[in-house]
């Protein structure tokens, strides 16, 4: 006999387990249904009239769950931690508000355009995949780069000429010695010149906008 699933009971069950995001395999195991039954139920409950949102292939979100973009970013593409412009904005190292959530990964660089927002993942070498910890953002515990690591990650992609250097970096709360230790992980001598450059520019009179 095929087990029938009630959407209200399903939603309440997932929330009670703290599974605001889930995979079809997790869904199948929780509700003890066949893979096909799980797949059909999920697909029938997506979108405007459903109770789920699709974050990427094989990852779904309970629609009205209070999940931050930062939490979603950690889940969408693993392993990853939030860094680059998103972390720099969070720490007020750059003044701009960013349009996408940016993260670092050891996997292939990817971008996901989801109902929850745009999520960008940039690849670095495994030996540089460090300098992050669990932080509380919007009541969610998420993996976030330390300020100096976020800046080191950013300078790496500036050095690769994949992004332009922001001329309004706020370095007041950055420990230069810590920044240099993180820069060493990338094995690119040219990054040290970038560090010297941003500190030289920071010491100059600030532009008035």
Protein backbone atom coordinates (compact mmCIF):
# COMPACT_ATOMS: atom_id res chain seq x y z
CA UNK A 1 0.00 0.00 0.00
CA UNK A 2 1.27 3.46 -0.95
CA UNK A 3 1.49 5.72 2.07
CA UNK A 4 -0.47 8.96 1.70
CA UNK A 5 1.13 12.15 2.90
CA UNK A 6 -0.72 15.15 4.28
CA UNK A 7 1.00 18.43 3.42
CA UNK A 8 0.17 20.11 6.75
CA UNK A 9 1.45 17.13 8.73
CA UNK A 10 4.56 16.95 6.54
CA UNK A 11 5.34 20.62 7.09
CA UNK A 12 4.83 20.36 10.85
CA UNK A 13 6.95 17.21 11.06
CA UNK A 14 9.87 18.77 9.18
CA UNK A 15 9.74 21.88 11.34
CA UNK A 16 9.59 19.84 14.54
CA UNK A 17 12.78 18.08 13.46
CA UNK A 18 14.46 21.38 12.65
CA UNK A 19 14.78 20.38 8.98
CA UNK A 20 14.07 23.70 7.31
CA UNK A 21 16.12 22.42 4.37
CA UNK A 22 16.11 18.80 3.27
CA UNK A 23 17.07 16.37 0.52
CA UNK A 24 14.72 13.83 -1.10
CA UNK A 25 16.68 11.07 0.69
CA UNK A 26 16.09 12.72 4.07
CA UNK A 27 12.41 13.16 3.20
CA UNK A 28 12.10 9.50 2.20
CA UNK A 29 13.73 8.29 5.41
CA UNK A 30 11.68 10.54 7.71
CA UNK A 31 8.31 9.63 6.24
CA UNK A 32 9.23 6.05 5.39
CA UNK A 33 8.01 6.23 1.81
CA UNK A 34 9.37 4.98 -1.51
CA UNK A 35 11.74 7.27 -3.45
CA UNK A 36 9.09 7.79 -6.12
CA UNK A 37 6.47 8.80 -3.55
CA UNK A 38 8.87 11.29 -1.99
CA UNK A 39 9.79 12.74 -5.38
CA UNK A 40 6.16 13.14 -6.50
CA UNK A 41 5.08 14.74 -3.21
CA UNK A 42 7.94 17.23 -3.27
CA UNK A 43 7.40 18.20 -6.91
CA UNK A 44 3.64 18.64 -6.36
CA UNK A 45 4.26 20.99 -3.45
CA UNK A 46 6.74 23.37 -5.07
CA UNK A 47 6.12 26.94 -6.15
CA UNK A 48 3.48 29.54 -5.39
CA UNK A 49 0.82 27.12 -4.21
CA UNK A 50 3.12 24.70 -2.45
CA UNK A 51 4.95 24.47 0.85
CA UNK A 52 8.47 24.01 -0.55
CA UNK A 53 11.00 26.06 -2.50
CA UNK A 54 13.73 24.52 -4.63
CA UNK A 55 17.20 25.79 -3.72
CA UNK A 56 19.04 23.53 -6.17
CA UNK A 57 18.77 19.98 -7.47
CA UNK A 58 18.03 17.66 -4.54
CA UNK A 59 17.79 20.43 -1.95
CA UNK A 60 14.55 22.01 -0.84
CA UNK A 61 13.41 24.60 1.69
CA UNK A 62 10.22 24.71 3.75
CA UNK A 63 8.74 27.88 2.27
CA UNK A 64 7.67 29.79 5.38
CA UNK A 65 10.63 28.70 7.52
CA UNK A 66 12.62 31.60 8.92
CA UNK A 67 15.93 30.80 7.28
CA UNK A 68 18.55 33.45 6.61
CA UNK A 69 20.35 33.75 3.29
CA UNK A 70 23.56 33.01 5.17
CA UNK A 71 22.20 29.69 6.45
CA UNK A 72 20.94 28.79 2.97
CA UNK A 73 24.37 29.62 1.54
CA UNK A 74 26.06 27.09 3.82
CA UNK A 75 23.57 24.40 2.81
CA UNK A 76 23.31 24.92 -0.94
CA UNK A 77 26.91 24.05 -1.77
CA UNK A 78 29.11 22.16 0.68
CA UNK A 79 31.81 22.48 1.86
CA UNK A 80 31.66 26.26 1.91
CA UNK A 81 31.84 29.26 4.19
CA UNK A 82 30.63 32.83 3.68
CA UNK A 83 33.43 35.19 2.69
CA UNK A 84 34.46 37.76 0.07
CA UNK A 85 32.09 40.73 -0.44
CA UNK A 86 29.33 39.37 1.80
CA UNK A 87 31.66 38.91 4.77
CA UNK A 88 33.48 42.19 4.05
CA UNK A 89 30.14 44.02 4.08
CA UNK A 90 29.11 42.20 7.27
CA UNK A 91 32.28 43.41 9.02
CA UNK A 92 31.96 46.92 7.48
CA UNK A 93 35.29 46.52 5.69
CA UNK A 94 33.54 47.69 2.52
CA UNK A 95 30.69 50.22 2.68
CA UNK A 96 28.56 48.66 -0.03
CA UNK A 97 25.57 46.38 0.46
CA UNK A 98 26.01 43.31 -1.73
CA UNK A 99 23.33 41.86 -4.01
CA UNK A 100 24.41 38.21 -3.71
CA UNK A 101 25.68 35.96 -0.94
CA UNK A 102 29.31 35.11 -1.67
CA UNK A 103 31.09 32.06 -0.33
CA UNK A 104 34.35 30.14 -0.62
CA UNK A 105 34.50 26.46 -1.55
CA UNK A 106 37.04 23.81 -2.51
CA UNK A 107 34.71 22.59 -5.25
CA UNK A 108 34.13 24.01 -8.72
CA UNK A 109 33.03 27.66 -8.72
CA UNK A 110 29.25 27.90 -9.09
CA UNK A 111 26.38 30.36 -9.02
CA UNK A 112 22.82 29.51 -7.96
CA UNK A 113 19.86 31.78 -8.67
CA UNK A 114 17.15 30.67 -6.22
CA UNK A 115 13.87 31.97 -4.79
CA UNK A 116 15.89 32.73 -1.65
CA UNK A 117 18.45 34.86 -3.47
CA UNK A 118 21.61 34.61 -5.56
CA UNK A 119 24.46 32.54 -4.17
CA UNK A 120 27.98 32.69 -5.60
CA UNK A 121 30.75 30.22 -4.71
CA UNK A 122 34.40 30.78 -5.58
CA UNK A 123 36.97 27.99 -5.50
CA UNK A 124 40.28 28.16 -3.63
CA UNK A 125 42.96 25.59 -2.87
CA UNK A 126 42.35 23.20 0.01
CA UNK A 127 45.34 24.49 1.97
CA UNK A 128 43.73 27.95 2.08
CA UNK A 129 40.31 26.62 3.07
CA UNK A 130 40.48 27.77 6.70
CA UNK A 131 40.01 30.90 8.80
CA UNK A 132 36.28 30.54 9.38
CA UNK A 133 34.09 29.65 12.35
CA UNK A 134 30.49 29.35 13.46
CA UNK A 135 28.86 32.76 13.91
CA UNK A 136 25.33 33.82 14.73
CA UNK A 137 23.68 35.69 11.85
CA UNK A 138 19.95 36.43 11.91
CA UNK A 139 19.51 33.79 14.64
CA UNK A 140 21.17 31.11 12.51
CA UNK A 141 24.57 29.54 13.22
CA UNK A 142 26.56 29.80 10.00
CA UNK A 143 30.13 29.29 8.83
CA UNK A 144 31.62 32.73 8.28
CA UNK A 145 35.17 33.83 7.49
CA UNK A 146 37.09 35.80 10.09
CA UNK A 147 37.56 39.45 8.96
CA UNK A 148 41.20 38.94 7.97
CA UNK A 149 40.44 35.73 6.07
CA UNK A 150 37.56 37.36 4.20
CA UNK A 151 39.95 40.09 3.12
CA UNK A 152 42.67 37.58 2.18
CA UNK A 153 40.16 35.61 0.10
CA UNK A 154 39.08 38.83 -1.61
CA UNK A 155 42.66 39.90 -2.34
CA UNK A 156 43.31 36.49 -3.89
CA UNK A 157 40.67 37.10 -6.54
CA UNK A 158 41.83 40.69 -6.98
CA UNK A 159 45.31 39.29 -7.59
CA UNK A 160 43.87 36.91 -10.16
CA UNK A 161 42.22 39.96 -11.77
CA UNK A 162 38.78 38.38 -11.43
CA UNK A 163 37.47 41.34 -9.40
CA UNK A 164 38.50 44.98 -9.09
CA UNK A 165 40.06 46.31 -5.93
CA UNK A 166 37.66 48.37 -3.83
CA UNK A 167 39.27 51.75 -3.06
CA UNK A 168 37.21 52.25 0.09
CA UNK A 169 38.49 49.42 2.30
CA UNK A 170 38.17 50.08 6.03
CA UNK A 171 41.18 48.46 7.70
CA UNK A 172 40.82 49.88 11.20
CA UNK A 173 39.78 46.57 12.77
CA UNK A 174 41.98 44.35 10.61
CA UNK A 175 45.03 42.79 12.27
CA UNK A 176 47.71 43.08 9.60
CA UNK A 177 49.82 40.24 11.05
CA UNK A 178 46.81 37.91 10.93
CA UNK A 179 45.99 39.02 7.40
CA UNK A 180 49.54 38.24 6.28
CA UNK A 181 49.40 34.76 7.81
CA UNK A 182 46.26 34.02 5.79
CA UNK A 183 47.78 35.50 2.64
CA UNK A 184 50.72 33.10 2.99
CA UNK A 185 48.33 30.16 2.52
CA UNK A 186 47.74 31.13 -1.11
CA UNK A 187 51.42 30.91 -2.09
CA UNK A 188 51.27 34.01 -4.29
CA UNK A 189 54.04 36.59 -3.57
CA UNK A 190 52.13 39.21 -5.56
CA UNK A 191 49.44 39.20 -2.87
CA UNK A 192 51.90 40.70 -0.39
CA UNK A 193 52.32 43.65 -2.75
CA UNK A 194 48.55 44.05 -2.67
CA UNK A 195 48.58 44.09 1.12
CA UNK A 196 51.24 46.80 1.14
CA UNK A 197 49.27 48.74 -1.47
CA UNK A 198 45.97 48.74 0.43
CA UNK A 199 47.69 49.85 3.64
CA UNK A 200 49.56 52.61 1.81
CA UNK A 201 46.30 53.82 0.29
CA UNK A 202 44.52 53.57 3.64
CA UNK A 203 47.04 55.93 5.24
CA UNK A 204 46.32 58.61 2.66
CA UNK A 205 43.62 61.26 3.35
CA UNK A 206 40.23 59.72 2.71
CA UNK A 207 38.16 60.89 -0.25
CA UNK A 208 34.95 62.71 0.52
CA UNK A 209 31.98 61.34 -1.41
